[in-house]
Protein backbone atom coordinates (compact mmCIF):
# COMPACT_ATOMS: atom_id res chain seq x y z
CA UNK A 1 -15.27 -41.31 6.91
CA UNK A 2 -16.98 -43.94 4.72
CA UNK A 3 -15.63 -44.87 1.29
CA UNK A 4 -18.27 -42.87 -0.62
CA UNK A 5 -17.36 -39.67 1.24
CA UNK A 6 -13.65 -40.32 0.74
CA UNK A 7 -14.20 -40.70 -2.98
CA UNK A 8 -16.27 -37.51 -3.07
CA UNK A 9 -13.53 -35.67 -1.19
CA UNK A 10 -10.94 -36.88 -3.70
CA UNK A 11 -13.05 -35.57 -6.57
CA UNK A 12 -13.50 -32.17 -4.92
CA UNK A 13 -9.77 -31.90 -4.19
CA UNK A 14 -8.93 -32.90 -7.76
CA UNK A 15 -11.18 -30.13 -9.05
CA UNK A 16 -9.61 -27.61 -6.67
CA UNK A 17 -6.13 -28.68 -7.78
CA UNK A 18 -7.12 -28.29 -11.43
CA UNK A 19 -8.50 -24.81 -10.76
CA UNK A 20 -5.38 -23.81 -8.81
CA UNK A 21 -2.98 -24.96 -11.52
CA UNK A 22 -5.12 -23.36 -14.21
CA UNK A 23 -6.53 -19.88 -14.55
CA UNK A 24 -9.02 -19.96 -11.70
CA UNK A 25 -7.15 -19.92 -8.36
CA UNK A 26 -9.99 -17.95 -6.75
CA UNK A 27 -12.38 -20.83 -7.36
CA UNK A 28 -9.77 -23.26 -6.03
CA UNK A 29 -9.50 -21.19 -2.86
CA UNK A 30 -13.29 -21.08 -2.47
CA UNK A 31 -13.45 -24.89 -2.71
CA UNK A 32 -10.68 -25.27 -0.14
CA UNK A 33 -12.37 -22.86 2.27
CA UNK A 34 -15.46 -25.08 2.17
CA UNK A 35 -13.46 -28.25 2.69
CA UNK A 36 -11.58 -26.82 5.66
CA UNK A 37 -14.82 -25.92 7.40
CA UNK A 38 -15.56 -29.64 7.68
CA UNK A 39 -11.99 -30.94 7.66
CA UNK A 40 -9.77 -28.23 9.20
CA UNK A 41 -6.65 -30.41 9.14
CA UNK A 42 -7.02 -31.77 5.62
CA UNK A 43 -3.45 -31.54 4.35
CA UNK A 44 -4.35 -31.64 0.67
CA UNK A 45 -6.77 -28.73 1.02
CA UNK A 46 -4.15 -26.72 2.95
CA UNK A 47 -1.52 -27.51 0.31
CA UNK A 48 -3.78 -26.34 -2.52
CA UNK A 49 -4.83 -23.23 -0.61
CA UNK A 50 -1.19 -22.35 0.10
CA UNK A 51 -0.47 -22.58 -3.63
CA UNK A 52 -3.40 -20.31 -4.54
CA UNK A 53 -2.21 -17.71 -2.04
CA UNK A 54 1.29 -17.89 -3.51
CA UNK A 55 -0.09 -17.37 -7.02
CA UNK A 56 -1.99 -14.33 -5.75
CA UNK A 57 1.31 -12.96 -4.30
CA UNK A 58 -0.08 -13.26 -0.76
CA UNK A 59 3.15 -14.90 0.23
CA UNK A 60 2.94 -14.30 3.98
CA UNK A 61 -0.32 -16.23 4.19
CA UNK A 62 1.02 -18.87 1.79
CA UNK A 63 4.06 -19.29 4.05
CA UNK A 64 1.93 -19.93 7.13
CA UNK A 65 -0.32 -22.41 5.33
CA UNK A 66 2.59 -24.27 3.77
CA UNK A 67 4.37 -24.42 7.13
CA UNK A 68 1.23 -25.93 8.68
CA UNK A 69 1.01 -28.49 5.88
CA UNK A 70 4.60 -29.64 6.48
CA UNK A 71 3.84 -29.97 10.20
CA UNK A 72 0.77 -32.12 9.52
CA UNK A 73 2.47 -34.19 6.80
CA UNK A 74 6.27 -34.01 7.07
CA UNK A 75 6.68 -36.54 4.24
CA UNK A 76 4.52 -34.60 1.75
CA UNK A 77 6.93 -33.37 -0.94
CA UNK A 78 4.42 -30.95 -2.50
CA UNK A 79 3.89 -29.26 0.87
CA UNK A 80 7.65 -28.65 1.04
CA UNK A 81 7.69 -27.32 -2.54
CA UNK A 82 4.94 -24.85 -1.61
CA UNK A 83 6.87 -23.80 1.47
CA UNK A 84 9.91 -23.22 -0.73
CA UNK A 85 7.88 -21.10 -3.14
CA UNK A 86 6.53 -18.92 -0.33
CA UNK A 87 9.98 -18.53 1.24
CA UNK A 88 11.41 -17.75 -2.18
CA UNK A 89 8.90 -14.95 -2.71
CA UNK A 90 9.63 -13.58 0.76
CA UNK A 91 13.38 -13.81 0.08
CA UNK A 92 13.91 -16.20 2.99
CA UNK A 93 16.73 -17.74 1.00
CA UNK A 94 18.08 -20.35 3.39
CA UNK A 95 14.59 -21.52 4.37
CA UNK A 96 13.63 -21.81 0.70
CA UNK A 97 16.72 -23.88 -0.10
CA UNK A 98 16.07 -26.18 2.86
CA UNK A 99 12.43 -26.66 1.79
CA UNK A 100 13.32 -27.45 -1.83
CA UNK A 101 16.08 -29.81 -0.72
CA UNK A 102 13.63 -31.62 1.56
CA UNK A 103 11.10 -31.88 -1.27
CA UNK A 104 13.71 -33.34 -3.63
CA UNK A 105 14.73 -35.90 -0.99
CA UNK A 106 11.16 -36.95 -0.21
CA UNK A 107 9.79 -37.04 -3.77
CA UNK A 108 8.88 -40.44 -5.12
CA UNK A 109 7.30 -38.76 -8.17
CA UNK A 110 10.06 -37.74 -10.64
CA UNK A 111 8.04 -34.71 -11.77
CA UNK A 112 7.87 -33.40 -8.19
CA UNK A 113 11.58 -33.97 -7.70
CA UNK A 114 12.27 -32.16 -10.97
CA UNK A 115 10.10 -29.27 -9.82
CA UNK A 116 11.97 -28.99 -6.53
CA UNK A 117 15.36 -29.09 -8.29
CA UNK A 118 14.28 -26.58 -10.92
CA UNK A 119 13.09 -24.25 -8.17
CA UNK A 120 16.47 -24.64 -6.46
CA UNK A 121 18.01 -23.63 -9.77
CA UNK A 122 15.79 -20.57 -10.01
CA UNK A 123 16.71 -19.55 -6.47
CA UNK A 124 20.40 -19.91 -7.29
CA UNK A 125 19.88 -17.74 -10.39
CA UNK A 126 18.13 -15.08 -8.33
CA UNK A 127 21.06 -15.02 -5.91
CA UNK A 128 23.73 -14.80 -8.60
CA UNK A 129 25.01 -18.40 -8.34
CA UNK A 130 24.81 -19.44 -11.98
CA UNK A 131 27.19 -22.41 -11.92
CA UNK A 132 25.23 -23.95 -9.06
CA UNK A 133 21.97 -23.13 -10.84
CA UNK A 134 23.09 -25.02 -13.95
CA UNK A 135 23.84 -28.11 -11.85
CA UNK A 136 20.35 -28.10 -10.26
CA UNK A 137 18.62 -27.58 -13.61
CA UNK A 138 20.50 -30.41 -15.30
CA UNK A 139 19.56 -32.73 -12.43
CA UNK A 140 15.92 -31.64 -12.82
CA UNK A 141 16.01 -32.48 -16.53
CA UNK A 142 17.25 -35.99 -15.75
CA UNK A 143 14.02 -36.55 -13.79
CA UNK A 144 11.80 -34.70 -16.24
CA UNK A 145 13.41 -34.06 -19.65
CA UNK A 146 10.31 -32.16 -20.79
CA UNK A 147 10.24 -29.65 -17.94
CA UNK A 148 9.88 -26.24 -19.59
CA UNK A 149 10.71 -24.48 -16.34
CA UNK A 150 13.94 -26.45 -15.89
CA UNK A 151 14.94 -25.74 -19.49
CA UNK A 152 14.21 -22.03 -19.12
CA UNK A 153 16.14 -21.84 -15.85
CA UNK A 154 19.06 -23.66 -17.47
CA UNK A 155 19.01 -20.99 -20.17
CA UNK A 156 19.20 -18.22 -17.58
CA UNK A 157 22.04 -20.05 -15.79
CA UNK A 158 24.01 -20.38 -19.03
CA UNK A 159 23.52 -16.72 -19.95
CA UNK A 160 24.66 -15.74 -16.47
CA UNK A 161 27.94 -17.54 -17.25
CA UNK A 162 28.18 -15.80 -20.64
CA UNK A 163 27.48 -19.04 -22.43
CA UNK A 164 25.43 -17.56 -25.24
CA UNK A 165 24.03 -20.92 -26.29
CA UNK A 166 21.70 -20.22 -23.39
CA UNK A 167 19.51 -18.03 -25.60
CA UNK A 168 17.92 -21.16 -27.04
CA UNK A 169 16.71 -22.42 -23.65
CA UNK A 170 16.01 -18.87 -22.44
CA UNK A 171 13.32 -18.84 -25.13
CA UNK A 172 11.45 -21.49 -23.14
CA UNK A 173 10.54 -18.79 -20.61
CA UNK A 174 8.57 -16.83 -23.21
CA UNK A 175 4.91 -17.03 -22.30
CA UNK A 176 5.53 -17.25 -18.54
CA UNK A 177 4.14 -14.51 -16.30
CA UNK A 178 7.40 -12.56 -16.40
CA UNK A 179 7.72 -12.75 -20.22
CA UNK A 180 4.53 -12.26 -22.17
CA UNK A 181 4.16 -13.81 -25.61
CA UNK A 182 2.20 -11.64 -28.00
CA UNK A 183 0.67 -11.93 -31.44
CA UNK A 184 -0.71 -8.98 -33.37
CA UNK A 185 -2.26 -10.68 -36.42
CA UNK A 186 -1.63 -14.38 -35.80
CA UNK A 187 1.70 -13.97 -37.59
CA UNK A 188 4.48 -16.56 -37.09
CA UNK A 189 7.49 -16.06 -34.86
CA UNK A 190 10.40 -14.45 -36.65
CA UNK A 191 13.23 -16.91 -37.29
CA UNK A 192 15.80 -14.27 -38.27
CA UNK A 193 15.18 -14.58 -42.01
CA UNK A 194 16.17 -11.25 -43.65
CA UNK A 195 13.89 -9.14 -45.81
CA UNK A 196 10.72 -9.55 -43.72
CA UNK A 197 8.34 -7.04 -42.19
CA UNK A 198 8.73 -7.75 -38.48
CA UNK A 199 7.19 -6.41 -35.26
CA UNK A 200 9.42 -6.53 -32.19
CA UNK A 201 7.70 -6.15 -28.83
CA UNK A 202 8.80 -5.56 -25.25
CA UNK A 203 7.85 -8.31 -22.81
CA UNK A 204 9.54 -7.49 -19.51
CA UNK A 205 10.44 -4.44 -17.42
CA UNK A 206 11.62 -1.01 -18.49
CA UNK A 207 15.29 -1.84 -17.92
CA UNK A 208 14.94 -5.04 -19.95
CA UNK A 209 13.45 -3.13 -22.88
CA UNK A 210 16.26 -0.58 -22.78
CA UNK A 211 18.90 -3.31 -22.62
CA UNK A 212 17.44 -5.46 -25.38
CA UNK A 213 16.97 -2.37 -27.55
CA UNK A 214 20.74 -2.48 -28.13
CA UNK A 215 19.94 -5.19 -30.72
CA UNK A 216 17.38 -3.12 -32.65
CA UNK A 217 19.98 -1.52 -34.97
CA UNK A 218 21.06 -4.98 -36.13
CA UNK A 219 17.44 -6.04 -36.68
CA UNK A 220 16.76 -2.86 -38.70
CA UNK A 221 19.52 -3.85 -41.14
CA UNK A 222 18.06 -7.34 -41.62
CA UNK A 223 14.38 -6.44 -41.97
CA UNK A 224 12.60 -4.87 -44.93
CA UNK A 225 10.59 -3.00 -42.33
CA UNK A 226 10.79 -3.06 -38.55
CA UNK A 227 8.00 -2.10 -36.17
CA UNK A 228 8.93 -1.71 -32.50
CA UNK A 229 6.27 -1.83 -29.81
CA UNK A 230 7.52 -0.57 -26.45
CA UNK A 231 6.50 0.90 -23.13
CA UNK A 232 4.78 4.24 -23.68
CA UNK A 233 7.47 6.01 -21.64
CA UNK A 234 10.13 4.97 -24.16
CA UNK A 235 8.32 6.10 -27.32
CA UNK A 236 10.15 9.40 -27.85
CA UNK A 237 13.57 8.05 -26.89
CA UNK A 238 13.26 4.99 -29.14
CA UNK A 239 11.81 6.97 -32.06
CA UNK A 240 14.82 9.28 -32.06
CA UNK A 241 17.35 6.51 -31.38
CA UNK A 242 16.06 4.15 -34.09
CA UNK A 243 14.82 6.42 -36.90
CA UNK A 244 14.65 3.57 -39.44
CA UNK A 245 12.09 1.70 -37.32
CA UNK A 246 8.46 2.59 -36.73
CA UNK A 247 7.95 2.90 -32.97
CA UNK A 248 4.64 2.60 -31.11
CA UNK A 249 4.31 3.01 -27.34
CA UNK A 250 1.30 0.71 -27.18
CA UNK A 251 2.65 -2.12 -25.06
CA UNK A 252 0.03 -1.86 -22.31
CA UNK A 253 -2.91 -1.22 -24.66
CA UNK A 254 -5.42 -3.96 -25.29
CA UNK A 255 -6.50 -2.42 -28.60
CA UNK A 256 -3.57 -1.61 -30.88
CA UNK A 257 -4.04 1.68 -32.73
CA UNK A 258 -1.32 1.39 -35.37
CA UNK A 259 -1.34 2.75 -38.88
CA UNK A 260 -2.98 0.15 -41.10
CA UNK A 261 0.14 -0.20 -43.23
CA UNK A 262 2.21 -1.08 -40.17
CA UNK A 263 -0.10 -3.96 -39.31
CA UNK A 264 0.85 -5.90 -42.44
CA UNK A 265 3.35 -8.19 -40.77
CA UNK A 266 5.30 -11.23 -41.91
CA UNK A 267 6.42 -12.14 -38.40
CA UNK A 268 6.89 -10.90 -34.83
CA UNK A 269 9.52 -11.37 -32.17
CA UNK A 270 9.83 -10.68 -28.44
CA UNK A 271 12.60 -8.17 -27.89
CA UNK A 272 14.60 -10.54 -25.71
CA UNK A 273 14.52 -13.19 -28.45
CA UNK A 274 16.77 -11.03 -30.62
CA UNK A 275 19.67 -12.50 -28.64
CA UNK A 276 19.22 -15.70 -30.65
CA UNK A 277 20.32 -13.84 -33.76
CA UNK A 278 22.55 -11.00 -32.58
CA UNK A 279 24.30 -12.06 -29.36
CA UNK A 280 25.84 -15.43 -30.21
CA UNK A 281 29.45 -14.64 -29.23
CA UNK A 282 31.27 -12.28 -26.91
CA UNK A 283 32.36 -10.34 -30.00
CA UNK A 284 28.71 -9.56 -30.79
CA UNK A 285 28.60 -7.22 -27.76
CA UNK A 286 30.31 -4.00 -28.80
CA UNK A 287 29.10 -2.10 -25.72
CA UNK A 288 28.71 1.10 -27.75
CA UNK A 289 26.02 3.73 -27.01
CA UNK A 290 22.83 3.29 -29.01
CA UNK A 291 20.38 5.71 -27.37
CA UNK A 292 20.09 9.35 -28.47
CA UNK A 293 18.75 11.85 -25.93
CA UNK A 294 16.79 14.93 -26.96
CA UNK A 295 19.33 17.68 -27.85
CA UNK A 296 17.04 20.55 -26.79
CA UNK A 297 16.42 19.06 -23.37
CA UNK A 298 20.11 18.24 -23.05
CA UNK A 299 20.94 21.89 -23.68
CA UNK A 300 18.64 22.94 -20.83
CA UNK A 301 20.35 20.52 -18.42
CA UNK A 302 23.81 21.54 -19.63
CA UNK A 303 23.05 25.16 -18.79
CA UNK A 304 21.77 24.24 -15.34
CA UNK A 305 24.63 21.89 -14.48
CA UNK A 306 27.28 24.34 -15.72
CA UNK A 307 25.88 26.89 -13.31
CA UNK A 308 26.70 24.61 -10.36
CA UNK A 309 30.47 25.00 -10.92
CA UNK A 310 31.12 21.50 -9.60
CA UNK A 311 30.60 17.88 -10.63
CA UNK A 312 26.97 16.90 -11.14
CA UNK A 313 26.49 13.24 -10.29
CA UNK A 314 23.31 11.20 -10.56
CA UNK A 315 22.45 8.79 -7.78
CA UNK A 316 19.78 6.12 -7.32
CA UNK A 317 19.59 4.03 -4.18
CA UNK A 318 16.59 1.73 -4.68
CA UNK A 319 15.55 -0.60 -7.48
CA UNK A 320 13.18 -3.40 -8.34
CA UNK A 321 9.91 -4.64 -6.92
CA UNK A 322 9.28 -6.84 -3.85
CA UNK A 323 9.36 -9.99 -6.00
CA UNK A 324 12.60 -8.91 -7.75
CA UNK A 325 14.64 -8.59 -4.55
CA UNK A 326 13.89 -4.94 -3.85
CA UNK A 327 14.86 -5.42 -0.20
CA UNK A 328 18.41 -6.32 -1.29
CA UNK A 329 18.58 -3.55 -3.89
CA UNK A 330 17.67 -0.84 -1.42
CA UNK A 331 19.97 1.54 0.40
CA UNK A 332 19.18 4.89 1.98
CA UNK A 333 20.85 8.29 1.97
CA UNK A 334 22.37 7.81 5.40
CA UNK A 335 24.06 4.62 4.23
CA UNK A 336 25.38 6.54 1.22
CA UNK A 337 26.60 9.49 3.28
CA UNK A 338 30.29 8.46 2.88
CA UNK A 339 29.77 8.72 -0.89
CA UNK A 340 27.93 12.04 -0.66
CA UNK A 341 30.66 13.47 1.56
CA UNK A 342 33.55 12.13 -0.54
CA UNK A 343 33.54 15.07 -2.95
CA UNK A 344 31.87 18.43 -3.20
CA UNK A 345 29.28 17.70 -5.88
CA UNK A 346 25.76 18.52 -6.92
CA UNK A 347 24.00 15.21 -6.30
CA UNK A 348 20.99 14.54 -8.52
CA UNK A 349 18.35 11.99 -7.52
CA UNK A 350 17.53 9.45 -10.21
CA UNK A 351 14.94 7.67 -8.08
CA UNK A 352 11.95 6.37 -10.06
CA UNK A 353 9.67 7.10 -7.09
CA UNK A 354 9.24 10.44 -5.33
CA UNK A 355 12.30 10.90 -3.12
CA UNK A 356 11.46 14.49 -2.16
CA UNK A 357 10.53 13.81 1.50
CA UNK A 358 13.66 11.63 2.02
CA UNK A 359 15.90 14.28 0.51
CA UNK A 360 14.32 17.06 2.56
CA UNK A 361 14.86 15.15 5.82
CA UNK A 362 18.44 14.35 4.84
CA UNK A 363 19.21 17.96 3.96
CA UNK A 364 17.84 19.12 7.29
CA UNK A 365 20.35 16.84 9.03
CA UNK A 366 23.20 17.44 6.57
CA UNK A 367 22.78 20.92 5.06
CA UNK A 368 26.37 20.86 3.79
CA UNK A 369 25.46 18.15 1.22
CA UNK A 370 24.01 19.51 -2.03
CA UNK A 371 21.39 17.01 -3.20
CA UNK A 372 18.29 17.70 -5.28
CA UNK A 373 15.38 15.99 -6.98
CA UNK A 374 14.19 17.31 -10.35
CA UNK A 375 10.80 15.66 -10.31
CA UNK A 376 9.81 16.92 -13.75
CA UNK A 377 12.61 14.74 -15.16
CA UNK A 378 12.59 11.65 -12.96
CA UNK A 379 8.85 11.32 -12.22
CA UNK A 380 7.83 12.14 -15.79
CA UNK A 381 5.78 9.69 -17.84
CA UNK A 382 8.24 10.35 -20.68
CA UNK A 383 11.62 8.67 -20.13
CA UNK A 384 13.07 11.12 -22.63
CA UNK A 385 13.08 13.63 -19.76
CA UNK A 386 15.23 11.35 -17.62
CA UNK A 387 17.49 10.42 -20.55
CA UNK A 388 18.32 14.05 -21.38
CA UNK A 389 19.26 14.75 -17.76
CA UNK A 390 21.39 11.60 -17.44
CA UNK A 391 23.18 12.43 -20.70
CA UNK A 392 24.46 15.71 -19.18
CA UNK A 393 25.55 14.36 -15.80
CA UNK A 394 29.23 13.76 -15.12
CA UNK A 395 28.51 10.22 -14.01
CA UNK A 396 25.87 7.98 -12.45
CA UNK A 397 26.17 5.95 -9.24
CA UNK A 398 23.26 3.60 -8.62
CA UNK A 399 22.06 0.23 -7.42
CA UNK A 400 20.79 -2.38 -9.87
CA UNK A 401 17.89 -0.51 -11.48
CA UNK A 402 16.60 0.64 -14.87
CA UNK A 403 18.65 3.84 -14.85
CA UNK A 404 21.83 1.71 -15.05
CA UNK A 405 20.65 0.40 -18.43
CA UNK A 406 19.72 3.92 -19.49
CA UNK A 407 23.18 5.23 -18.60
CA UNK A 408 24.83 2.31 -20.39
CA UNK A 409 22.69 2.81 -23.48
CA UNK A 410 23.64 6.49 -23.56
CA UNK A 411 27.31 5.73 -23.03
CA UNK A 412 27.34 7.60 -19.73
CA UNK A 413 29.86 6.53 -17.10
CA UNK A 414 27.94 4.49 -14.53
CA UNK A 415 28.99 2.65 -11.36
CA UNK A 416 26.48 0.01 -10.26
CA UNK A 417 26.35 -1.22 -6.67
CA UNK A 418 25.32 -4.81 -7.31
CA UNK A 419 23.82 -6.99 -4.55
CA UNK A 420 24.55 -10.68 -4.20
CA UNK A 421 21.02 -11.22 -5.53
CA UNK A 422 22.28 -10.36 -8.98
CA UNK A 423 20.64 -10.65 -12.39
CA UNK A 424 21.92 -12.78 -15.25
CA UNK A 425 23.12 -9.85 -17.38
CA UNK A 426 25.68 -8.95 -14.71
CA UNK A 427 27.11 -12.46 -14.50
CA UNK A 428 28.70 -13.98 -11.42
CA UNK A 429 32.03 -12.16 -11.33
CA UNK A 430 34.05 -9.31 -12.79
CA UNK A 431 33.59 -5.54 -12.79
CA UNK A 432 32.28 -5.21 -16.34
CA UNK A 433 29.30 -6.45 -18.31
CA UNK A 434 29.30 -6.98 -22.07
CA UNK A 435 26.19 -4.92 -22.78
CA UNK A 436 27.70 -1.51 -21.90
CA UNK A 437 31.31 -0.36 -22.13
CA UNK A 438 30.61 2.67 -19.90
CA UNK A 439 29.29 0.66 -16.96
CA UNK A 440 31.37 -0.59 -14.03
CA UNK A 441 30.05 -3.19 -11.58
CA UNK A 442 30.88 -2.96 -7.88
CA UNK A 443 29.83 -6.26 -6.35
CA UNK A 444 28.55 -6.80 -2.84
CA UNK A 445 30.75 -9.44 -1.20
CA UNK A 446 28.26 -10.57 1.45
CA UNK A 447 24.49 -10.35 1.21
CA UNK A 448 23.16 -7.33 3.10
CA UNK A 449 26.57 -5.75 3.76
CA UNK A 450 27.24 -2.70 1.63
CA UNK A 451 30.16 -1.04 3.44
CA UNK A 452 33.02 -2.49 1.31
CA UNK A 453 31.23 -1.64 -1.95
CA UNK A 454 30.45 1.87 -0.74
CA UNK A 455 34.09 2.22 0.25
CA UNK A 456 35.11 1.39 -3.34
CA UNK A 457 32.86 4.17 -4.65
CA UNK A 458 34.34 6.63 -2.17
CA UNK A 459 37.85 5.71 -3.31
CA UNK A 460 36.90 6.10 -6.97
CA UNK A 461 35.42 9.57 -6.36
CA UNK A 462 38.43 10.80 -4.42
CA UNK A 463 40.76 9.62 -7.15
CA UNK A 464 38.60 11.28 -9.78
CA UNK A 465 38.26 14.59 -7.96
CA UNK A 466 41.40 14.83 -5.75
CA UNK A 467 41.31 18.63 -5.45
CA UNK A 468 37.83 18.41 -3.90
CA UNK A 469 38.73 15.73 -1.39
CA UNK A 470 36.75 16.15 1.81
CA UNK A 471 38.66 17.58 4.79
C-alpha cells in the first residue's frame, strides 16, 4: 500500500473511532464494514467494529471479533480491553480478568492502562470483591487521575465496604448509561441547602428507586417543597408513603405533564445522590420501614391468606437482566424443592415475569406442594398491588431482586439468597445490610453452587415452624 493510501486509511479509521466513541456507533460499523471488504485482516477496523458491537449489546459477536483482533495483534492493548469488555458482558469472569490483565501489562499508553485497571475494578465490584476493586481503581487513578470511570468505580468499591465517603465518587457515575442525569427546567443540582423547592428523580432500576426512597422522608424535612419523579409503577405506593411530597410517575415520559406550580424549581437531585446528605455514617441507616401499602388491598390479602390455615410465604427465584448477572441470580423450582418441602406452607410466587407455566409443570410433578401465582398482583403495572400482597405474607424468600427492597421497605421479614456476583448495597460479608432491619442475607459461598445457602433456608424454616416439619 502506498503512503497516500495509508494516510487515507488512517483518516477513515480515525473517523470510525470517533463515531464509535461518540453517539454514532452505527456509522462507525458501516465504515468498518467497508474497510474490511478491502482489508479483511485490518486489526484496527476489527477492534473498532468489536467495540461498536459491544456498545450495541451484541456481545457474542463482539467477543468473536475481539478474539480475532488479539490473534492478529497479540500486543495490541486495546484489542485485549475490547475482549475483556465482551467477556465481562457475557459473564466470562476469568476470561475477562485475563484480558484486562493482559491489556494492563501491554499498555504503553497510561490512559489505556488506566482503562484496563478500571475495568478490572468494575469486574471485581460486579463479583462482590470490593477490597480488590478499590486496589485496581486506585492503581488506575495513578495512571490517569482524571478518569471519571475509575473515580466512579472507586466510589462503588468504597460503598461496598460501607465507607460512606464513597458517595462523593459514586456521584461521578451520574450521567453514565446506567444512571441518567436529568434536568427539568435547567435548574442547578441540589447541594443539600434547606428551604428549597427540589425535584428528586429516579435514575436506575425499580429496586434502586425503592431503596433510595428510604431517604425521601429526610429530604421532605429539609425542603420547602419536594417533588418526586419515579417509575409509573411506584406512583401510588410513593404517594401514600410520602404524603408531604408531590409524586409524579413520569420517569419514562419525554414530555413532563406536571402541574405548573410544581415546575417552579430551585434545584433537582438524582435519587441516589441523596446519600451525600443523608447516609454519611452507619448511624444514619435506621433500617426502619418507610413504605405504606394500601390498607384496602391488604385486607383482601389478609382474608385470603387466613383462609389457608398455614404459613403464607412469598418466593422469587430469578432477578436482574442479562447484563446485571441474571444467570447467577437465577434458580428454578426444582432447585428450591428442599425449601418448598421443608414446611407445609402456601407458597406465593413473587416473580416479576409470568411464572404460571413453570408453576403448572412443577405442580404436576409435585402435587403435594401448594404453590400459586396471583398474576393480578405480581404482573400488575401498579406495584401497589405487589406491595399489599407482600405486606400480608408471613415472610419472603428470594434471590437478589427488586422484591427484596420492597420487603425491606415494608419491614417484612425477608431472606435473600445472594450470589457471589453481589451488589454494593449488600457489601462483601455479613448476614445483614444497613438499609433494612427486616432483611437477612444468605450468601453463596462459591459461584454457581446454591446447595449450602438453600440448606440454610431449610434449617431456618424448620426452626420457625417445628410442628410442621416434613416427615
